[in-house]
């Protein structure tokens, strides 16, 4: 299998994806690249502002790349064709599962900058089917994350999920929110991106010739 590079905007994702690899994909080769300034710039100037940096980073890739930041995932994915690199966004498999779950989708995010790319991805995955997408920023959550209070961060996200009504499925827009799915008591399915995103990327890395575009890969 071709090795897989994971592009992160926070180092907290490294042990999460390594643990998923060890649990679900033993023997898979993961290489981690952590570039926090990409998210900082995307938040300040918009996701498209990081395209030049992504071109430089992705052009040097020796194999497929999984982008774990939802804010910049669409921009990175759009560069795949011109760079000749297979680029996968971690949230695409989650989005596909969400639209299969039902038309009423609630998106929870800790950052405002994540909502636009996630809503656009869900709309793309509906493939013309009717859907009602509601987006919400979890107040105070990102402050907890930046302060290093992971437990408090996940508790706020889980609390927000439990407050959702009239939804067929809840989408946790950021990979860092994944742990909240197990904490939530709601009967509404709560989807997160790391496990399905990594599984799809490892499958694609093992069969690169079968993948025509980043969209088809996931």
C-alpha atoms as a PDB file:
ATOM      1  CA  UNK A   1       0.000   0.000   0.000  1.00  0.00           C
ATOM      2  CA  UNK A   2       1.199   3.513  -0.795  1.00  0.00           C
ATOM      3  CA  UNK A   3       1.940   5.572   2.305  1.00  0.00           C
ATOM      4  CA  UNK A   4      -0.636   8.209   3.231  1.00  0.00           C
ATOM      5  CA  UNK A   5       0.248  11.786   4.223  1.00  0.00           C
ATOM      6  CA  UNK A   6      -2.138  13.522   6.625  1.00  0.00           C
ATOM      7  CA  UNK A   7      -2.168  17.322   6.536  1.00  0.00           C
ATOM      8  CA  UNK A   8      -3.325  18.767   9.874  1.00  0.00           C
ATOM      9  CA  UNK A   9      -3.738  22.285  11.200  1.00  0.00           C
ATOM     10  CA  UNK A  10      -3.386  21.114  14.818  1.00  0.00           C
ATOM     11  CA  UNK A  11      -1.035  18.602  16.416  1.00  0.00           C
ATOM     12  CA  UNK A  12      -3.898  17.202  18.516  1.00  0.00           C
ATOM     13  CA  UNK A  13      -5.009  15.193  15.487  1.00  0.00           C
ATOM     14  CA  UNK A  14      -1.822  13.144  15.230  1.00  0.00           C
ATOM     15  CA  UNK A  15      -2.498  10.716  18.122  1.00  0.00           C
ATOM     16  CA  UNK A  16      -6.173  10.472  17.141  1.00  0.00           C
ATOM     17  CA  UNK A  17      -5.407   9.248  13.645  1.00  0.00           C
ATOM     18  CA  UNK A  18      -2.538   7.053  14.811  1.00  0.00           C
ATOM     19  CA  UNK A  19      -4.933   5.369  17.253  1.00  0.00           C
ATOM     20  CA  UNK A  20      -7.499   4.824  14.495  1.00  0.00           C
ATOM     21  CA  UNK A  21      -4.749   3.359  12.299  1.00  0.00           C
ATOM     22  CA  UNK A  22      -3.669   0.980  15.052  1.00  0.00           C
ATOM     23  CA  UNK A  23      -7.249  -0.067  15.763  1.00  0.00           C
ATOM     24  CA  UNK A  24      -8.668  -0.372  12.266  1.00  0.00           C
ATOM     25  CA  UNK A  25      -5.764  -0.438   9.807  1.00  0.00           C
ATOM     26  CA  UNK A  26      -2.715  -2.082  11.405  1.00  0.00           C
ATOM     27  CA  UNK A  27       0.304  -1.858   9.186  1.00  0.00           C
ATOM     28  CA  UNK A  28      -0.866   1.229   7.305  1.00  0.00           C
ATOM     29  CA  UNK A  29       1.873   3.830   6.839  1.00  0.00           C
ATOM     30  CA  UNK A  30       0.868   7.353   7.932  1.00  0.00           C
ATOM     31  CA  UNK A  31       2.997  10.482   7.616  1.00  0.00           C
ATOM     32  CA  UNK A  32       1.829  13.558   9.538  1.00  0.00           C
ATOM     33  CA  UNK A  33       2.334  17.142   8.398  1.00  0.00           C
ATOM     34  CA  UNK A  34       1.157  19.792  10.882  1.00  0.00           C
ATOM     35  CA  UNK A  35       0.797  23.374   9.617  1.00  0.00           C
ATOM     36  CA  UNK A  36      -1.295  25.460  12.082  1.00  0.00           C
ATOM     37  CA  UNK A  37      -0.817  28.719  10.192  1.00  0.00           C
ATOM     38  CA  UNK A  38      -3.009  27.449   7.347  1.00  0.00           C
ATOM     39  CA  UNK A  39      -6.092  27.590   9.558  1.00  0.00           C
ATOM     40  CA  UNK A  40      -5.056  30.915  11.060  1.00  0.00           C
ATOM     41  CA  UNK A  41      -4.809  32.449   7.604  1.00  0.00           C
ATOM     42  CA  UNK A  42      -8.008  30.820   6.359  1.00  0.00           C
ATOM     43  CA  UNK A  43      -9.931  32.213   9.318  1.00  0.00           C
ATOM     44  CA  UNK A  44      -8.516  35.697   8.812  1.00  0.00           C
ATOM     45  CA  UNK A  45      -8.606  35.959   5.018  1.00  0.00           C
ATOM     46  CA  UNK A  46     -10.837  33.139   3.780  1.00  0.00           C
ATOM     47  CA  UNK A  47     -10.026  29.546   2.720  1.00  0.00           C
ATOM     48  CA  UNK A  48      -8.894  30.530  -0.787  1.00  0.00           C
ATOM     49  CA  UNK A  49      -6.033  32.547   0.734  1.00  0.00           C
ATOM     50  CA  UNK A  50      -4.161  29.344   1.604  1.00  0.00           C
ATOM     51  CA  UNK A  51      -4.144  28.001  -1.978  1.00  0.00           C
ATOM     52  CA  UNK A  52      -0.546  29.124  -2.728  1.00  0.00           C
ATOM     53  CA  UNK A  53       0.778  27.434   0.410  1.00  0.00           C
ATOM     54  CA  UNK A  54      -1.204  24.289  -0.314  1.00  0.00           C
ATOM     55  CA  UNK A  55       0.184  24.163  -3.852  1.00  0.00           C
ATOM     56  CA  UNK A  56       3.700  24.211  -2.454  1.00  0.00           C
ATOM     57  CA  UNK A  57       2.970  21.638   0.246  1.00  0.00           C
ATOM     58  CA  UNK A  58       1.018  19.203  -1.920  1.00  0.00           C
ATOM     59  CA  UNK A  59       3.342  19.392  -4.911  1.00  0.00           C
ATOM     60  CA  UNK A  60       6.026  17.701  -2.861  1.00  0.00           C
ATOM     61  CA  UNK A  61       3.844  14.798  -1.775  1.00  0.00           C
ATOM     62  CA  UNK A  62       5.111  11.309  -2.559  1.00  0.00           C
ATOM     63  CA  UNK A  63       1.597   9.841  -2.434  1.00  0.00           C
ATOM     64  CA  UNK A  64      -2.045  10.529  -1.505  1.00  0.00           C
ATOM     65  CA  UNK A  65      -2.866  13.265   1.002  1.00  0.00           C
ATOM     66  CA  UNK A  66      -5.720  13.323   3.524  1.00  0.00           C
ATOM     67  CA  UNK A  67      -6.603  16.864   4.651  1.00  0.00           C
ATOM     68  CA  UNK A  68      -8.082  16.747   8.150  1.00  0.00           C
ATOM     69  CA  UNK A  69      -9.065  20.435   8.411  1.00  0.00           C
ATOM     70  CA  UNK A  70     -12.612  21.013   7.152  1.00  0.00           C
ATOM     71  CA  UNK A  71     -12.049  24.732   6.631  1.00  0.00           C
ATOM     72  CA  UNK A  72      -9.355  24.219   3.975  1.00  0.00           C
ATOM     73  CA  UNK A  73     -10.391  20.792   2.674  1.00  0.00           C
ATOM     74  CA  UNK A  74     -12.292  22.024  -0.370  1.00  0.00           C
ATOM     75  CA  UNK A  75      -9.444  24.299  -1.481  1.00  0.00           C
ATOM     76  CA  UNK A  76      -6.915  21.492  -1.137  1.00  0.00           C
ATOM     77  CA  UNK A  77      -9.157  19.054  -2.996  1.00  0.00           C
ATOM     78  CA  UNK A  78      -9.592  21.507  -5.872  1.00  0.00           C
ATOM     79  CA  UNK A  79      -5.819  21.594  -6.468  1.00  0.00           C
ATOM     80  CA  UNK A  80      -5.463  17.847  -6.993  1.00  0.00           C
ATOM     81  CA  UNK A  81      -5.919  17.897 -10.756  1.00  0.00           C
ATOM     82  CA  UNK A  82      -3.345  20.577 -11.508  1.00  0.00           C
ATOM     83  CA  UNK A  83      -0.782  19.045  -9.144  1.00  0.00           C
ATOM     84  CA  UNK A  84      -1.334  15.424 -10.126  1.00  0.00           C
ATOM     85  CA  UNK A  85      -1.701  14.433  -6.457  1.00  0.00           C
ATOM     86  CA  UNK A  86      -4.598  12.480  -4.980  1.00  0.00           C
ATOM     87  CA  UNK A  87      -6.066  14.812  -2.334  1.00  0.00           C
ATOM     88  CA  UNK A  88      -8.857  13.609  -0.061  1.00  0.00           C
ATOM     89  CA  UNK A  89     -10.833  15.636   2.451  1.00  0.00           C
ATOM     90  CA  UNK A  90     -11.549  13.846   5.704  1.00  0.00           C
ATOM     91  CA  UNK A  91     -15.168  14.990   5.905  1.00  0.00           C
ATOM     92  CA  UNK A  92     -16.431  13.772   2.517  1.00  0.00           C
ATOM     93  CA  UNK A  93     -17.327  10.201   3.609  1.00  0.00           C
ATOM     94  CA  UNK A  94     -19.111  11.633   6.665  1.00  0.00           C
ATOM     95  CA  UNK A  95     -21.073  14.024   4.457  1.00  0.00           C
ATOM     96  CA  UNK A  96     -22.093  11.190   2.140  1.00  0.00           C
ATOM     97  CA  UNK A  97     -23.332   9.176   5.125  1.00  0.00           C
ATOM     98  CA  UNK A  98     -25.231  12.184   6.463  1.00  0.00           C
ATOM     99  CA  UNK A  99     -27.264  12.743   3.307  1.00  0.00           C
ATOM    100  CA  UNK A 100     -28.139   9.046   3.251  1.00  0.00           C
ATOM    101  CA  UNK A 101     -29.455   9.312   6.814  1.00  0.00           C
ATOM    102  CA  UNK A 102     -32.196  11.790   5.938  1.00  0.00           C
ATOM    103  CA  UNK A 103     -32.977  15.228   4.562  1.00  0.00           C
ATOM    104  CA  UNK A 104     -32.837  17.145   7.852  1.00  0.00           C
ATOM    105  CA  UNK A 105     -29.162  17.680   8.654  1.00  0.00           C
ATOM    106  CA  UNK A 106     -27.824  19.765  11.524  1.00  0.00           C
ATOM    107  CA  UNK A 107     -24.176  20.803  11.359  1.00  0.00           C
ATOM    108  CA  UNK A 108     -22.309  21.680  14.551  1.00  0.00           C
ATOM    109  CA  UNK A 109     -18.980  23.494  14.379  1.00  0.00           C
ATOM    110  CA  UNK A 110     -16.675  25.207  16.814  1.00  0.00           C
ATOM    111  CA  UNK A 111     -15.505  27.684  14.178  1.00  0.00           C
ATOM    112  CA  UNK A 112     -17.603  29.891  11.923  1.00  0.00           C
ATOM    113  CA  UNK A 113     -15.070  29.379   9.115  1.00  0.00           C
ATOM    114  CA  UNK A 114     -15.928  25.676   8.968  1.00  0.00           C
ATOM    115  CA  UNK A 115     -19.648  26.114   8.317  1.00  0.00           C
ATOM    116  CA  UNK A 116     -19.482  27.364   4.716  1.00  0.00           C
ATOM    117  CA  UNK A 117     -17.219  24.584   3.403  1.00  0.00           C
ATOM    118  CA  UNK A 118     -19.183  21.911   5.281  1.00  0.00           C
ATOM    119  CA  UNK A 119     -22.566  23.162   4.088  1.00  0.00           C
ATOM    120  CA  UNK A 120     -21.276  23.303   0.508  1.00  0.00           C
ATOM    121  CA  UNK A 121     -19.947  19.755   0.779  1.00  0.00           C
ATOM    122  CA  UNK A 122     -23.268  18.444   2.074  1.00  0.00           C
ATOM    123  CA  UNK A 123     -25.135  20.225  -0.717  1.00  0.00           C
ATOM    124  CA  UNK A 124     -22.755  18.630  -3.218  1.00  0.00           C
ATOM    125  CA  UNK A 125     -23.291  15.174  -1.747  1.00  0.00           C
ATOM    126  CA  UNK A 126     -27.093  15.461  -1.937  1.00  0.00           C
ATOM    127  CA  UNK A 127     -26.743  15.240  -5.738  1.00  0.00           C
ATOM    128  CA  UNK A 128     -29.988  17.133  -6.238  1.00  0.00           C
ATOM    129  CA  UNK A 129     -31.988  15.401  -3.521  1.00  0.00           C
ATOM    130  CA  UNK A 130     -33.949  17.732  -1.205  1.00  0.00           C
ATOM    131  CA  UNK A 131     -32.224  18.582   2.054  1.00  0.00           C
ATOM    132  CA  UNK A 132     -32.635  21.068   4.868  1.00  0.00           C
ATOM    133  CA  UNK A 133     -29.219  21.919   6.296  1.00  0.00           C
ATOM    134  CA  UNK A 134     -29.073  23.813   9.585  1.00  0.00           C
ATOM    135  CA  UNK A 135     -25.745  25.117  10.852  1.00  0.00           C
ATOM    136  CA  UNK A 136     -24.760  26.109  14.366  1.00  0.00           C
ATOM    137  CA  UNK A 137     -21.561  27.319  16.037  1.00  0.00           C
ATOM    138  CA  UNK A 138     -21.105  25.845  19.510  1.00  0.00           C
ATOM    139  CA  UNK A 139     -20.610  28.918  21.678  1.00  0.00           C
ATOM    140  CA  UNK A 140     -17.420  28.889  23.720  1.00  0.00           C
ATOM    141  CA  UNK A 141     -16.174  25.592  22.339  1.00  0.00           C
ATOM    142  CA  UNK A 142     -13.205  26.912  20.381  1.00  0.00           C
ATOM    143  CA  UNK A 143     -12.037  28.916  23.385  1.00  0.00           C
ATOM    144  CA  UNK A 144     -11.894  25.653  25.343  1.00  0.00           C
ATOM    145  CA  UNK A 145     -10.019  23.946  22.515  1.00  0.00           C
ATOM    146  CA  UNK A 146      -7.428  26.707  22.255  1.00  0.00           C
ATOM    147  CA  UNK A 147      -6.990  26.664  26.038  1.00  0.00           C
ATOM    148  CA  UNK A 148      -6.138  22.963  25.908  1.00  0.00           C
ATOM    149  CA  UNK A 149      -9.324  21.953  27.733  1.00  0.00           C
ATOM    150  CA  UNK A 150     -10.192  18.992  25.535  1.00  0.00           C
ATOM    151  CA  UNK A 151     -12.728  17.534  27.977  1.00  0.00           C
ATOM    152  CA  UNK A 152     -14.545  20.846  28.313  1.00  0.00           C
ATOM    153  CA  UNK A 153     -14.508  21.310  24.551  1.00  0.00           C
ATOM    154  CA  UNK A 154     -16.090  17.930  23.893  1.00  0.00           C
ATOM    155  CA  UNK A 155     -18.603  18.399  26.704  1.00  0.00           C
ATOM    156  CA  UNK A 156     -19.877  21.622  25.115  1.00  0.00           C
ATOM    157  CA  UNK A 157     -20.181  19.948  21.717  1.00  0.00           C
ATOM    158  CA  UNK A 158     -22.058  16.987  23.217  1.00  0.00           C
ATOM    159  CA  UNK A 159     -24.380  19.375  25.054  1.00  0.00           C
ATOM    160  CA  UNK A 160     -25.099  21.177  21.778  1.00  0.00           C
ATOM    161  CA  UNK A 161     -25.827  17.859  20.064  1.00  0.00           C
ATOM    162  CA  UNK A 162     -28.268  16.900  22.807  1.00  0.00           C
ATOM    163  CA  UNK A 163     -30.103  20.199  22.280  1.00  0.00           C
ATOM    164  CA  UNK A 164     -30.763  19.497  18.592  1.00  0.00           C
ATOM    165  CA  UNK A 165     -34.375  18.775  17.712  1.00  0.00           C
ATOM    166  CA  UNK A 166     -36.115  17.973  14.425  1.00  0.00           C
ATOM    167  CA  UNK A 167     -33.048  16.514  12.725  1.00  0.00           C
ATOM    168  CA  UNK A 168     -32.433  13.169  11.060  1.00  0.00           C
ATOM    169  CA  UNK A 169     -28.700  13.366  11.629  1.00  0.00           C
ATOM    170  CA  UNK A 170     -26.117  15.581  13.325  1.00  0.00           C
ATOM    171  CA  UNK A 171     -22.791  16.296  11.635  1.00  0.00           C
ATOM    172  CA  UNK A 172     -19.748  17.255  13.711  1.00  0.00           C
ATOM    173  CA  UNK A 173     -18.019  19.476  11.199  1.00  0.00           C
ATOM    174  CA  UNK A 174     -14.495  19.378  12.614  1.00  0.00           C
ATOM    175  CA  UNK A 175     -12.346  16.299  13.172  1.00  0.00           C
ATOM    176  CA  UNK A 176     -11.466  17.550  16.657  1.00  0.00           C
ATOM    177  CA  UNK A 177     -15.120  17.188  17.694  1.00  0.00           C
ATOM    178  CA  UNK A 178     -15.237  13.416  17.146  1.00  0.00           C
ATOM    179  CA  UNK A 179     -15.027  12.443  20.796  1.00  0.00           C
ATOM    180  CA  UNK A 180     -18.280  14.263  21.519  1.00  0.00           C
ATOM    181  CA  UNK A 181     -20.281  11.660  19.590  1.00  0.00           C
ATOM    182  CA  UNK A 182     -19.764   9.121  22.376  1.00  0.00           C
ATOM    183  CA  UNK A 183     -20.701  11.675  25.045  1.00  0.00           C
ATOM    184  CA  UNK A 184     -23.973  12.800  23.474  1.00  0.00           C
ATOM    185  CA  UNK A 185     -27.157  11.243  24.852  1.00  0.00           C
ATOM    186  CA  UNK A 186     -29.392  12.188  21.913  1.00  0.00           C
ATOM    187  CA  UNK A 187     -31.184   9.489  19.935  1.00  0.00           C
ATOM    188  CA  UNK A 188     -30.315  11.355  16.726  1.00  0.00           C
ATOM    189  CA  UNK A 189     -27.289   9.806  14.959  1.00  0.00           C
ATOM    190  CA  UNK A 190     -24.147  11.891  15.492  1.00  0.00           C
ATOM    191  CA  UNK A 191     -21.533  11.562  12.750  1.00  0.00           C
ATOM    192  CA  UNK A 192     -17.852  12.493  12.908  1.00  0.00           C
ATOM    193  CA  UNK A 193     -15.182  12.457  10.240  1.00  0.00           C
ATOM    194  CA  UNK A 194     -11.910  10.840  11.392  1.00  0.00           C
ATOM    195  CA  UNK A 195     -12.742   7.115  11.213  1.00  0.00           C
ATOM    196  CA  UNK A 196     -14.628   7.062   7.869  1.00  0.00           C
ATOM    197  CA  UNK A 197     -12.268   9.639   6.365  1.00  0.00           C
ATOM    198  CA  UNK A 198      -9.166   7.649   7.256  1.00  0.00           C
ATOM    199  CA  UNK A 199     -10.732   4.403   6.036  1.00  0.00           C
ATOM    200  CA  UNK A 200     -11.574   5.929   2.652  1.00  0.00           C
ATOM    201  CA  UNK A 201      -8.129   7.467   2.297  1.00  0.00           C
ATOM    202  CA  UNK A 202      -6.317   4.242   3.162  1.00  0.00           C
ATOM    203  CA  UNK A 203      -8.467   2.366   0.668  1.00  0.00           C
ATOM    204  CA  UNK A 204      -7.654   4.954  -1.997  1.00  0.00           C
ATOM    205  CA  UNK A 205      -3.949   4.861  -1.145  1.00  0.00           C
ATOM    206  CA  UNK A 206      -3.978   1.125  -1.629  1.00  0.00           C
ATOM    207  CA  UNK A 207      -5.651   1.379  -5.037  1.00  0.00           C
ATOM    208  CA  UNK A 208      -4.537   4.731  -6.520  1.00  0.00           C
ATOM    209  CA  UNK A 209      -5.021   3.611 -10.120  1.00  0.00           C
ATOM    210  CA  UNK A 210      -8.731   3.112  -9.503  1.00  0.00           C
ATOM    211  CA  UNK A 211      -9.246   6.720  -8.453  1.00  0.00           C
ATOM    212  CA  UNK A 212      -9.965   9.295 -11.153  1.00  0.00           C
ATOM    213  CA  UNK A 213     -10.766  12.333  -9.006  1.00  0.00           C
ATOM    214  CA  UNK A 214     -10.692  13.294  -5.320  1.00  0.00           C
ATOM    215  CA  UNK A 215     -14.501  13.247  -5.282  1.00  0.00           C
ATOM    216  CA  UNK A 216     -14.635   9.689  -6.551  1.00  0.00           C
ATOM    217  CA  UNK A 217     -12.028   8.571  -4.066  1.00  0.00           C
ATOM    218  CA  UNK A 218     -14.241   9.140  -1.080  1.00  0.00           C
END
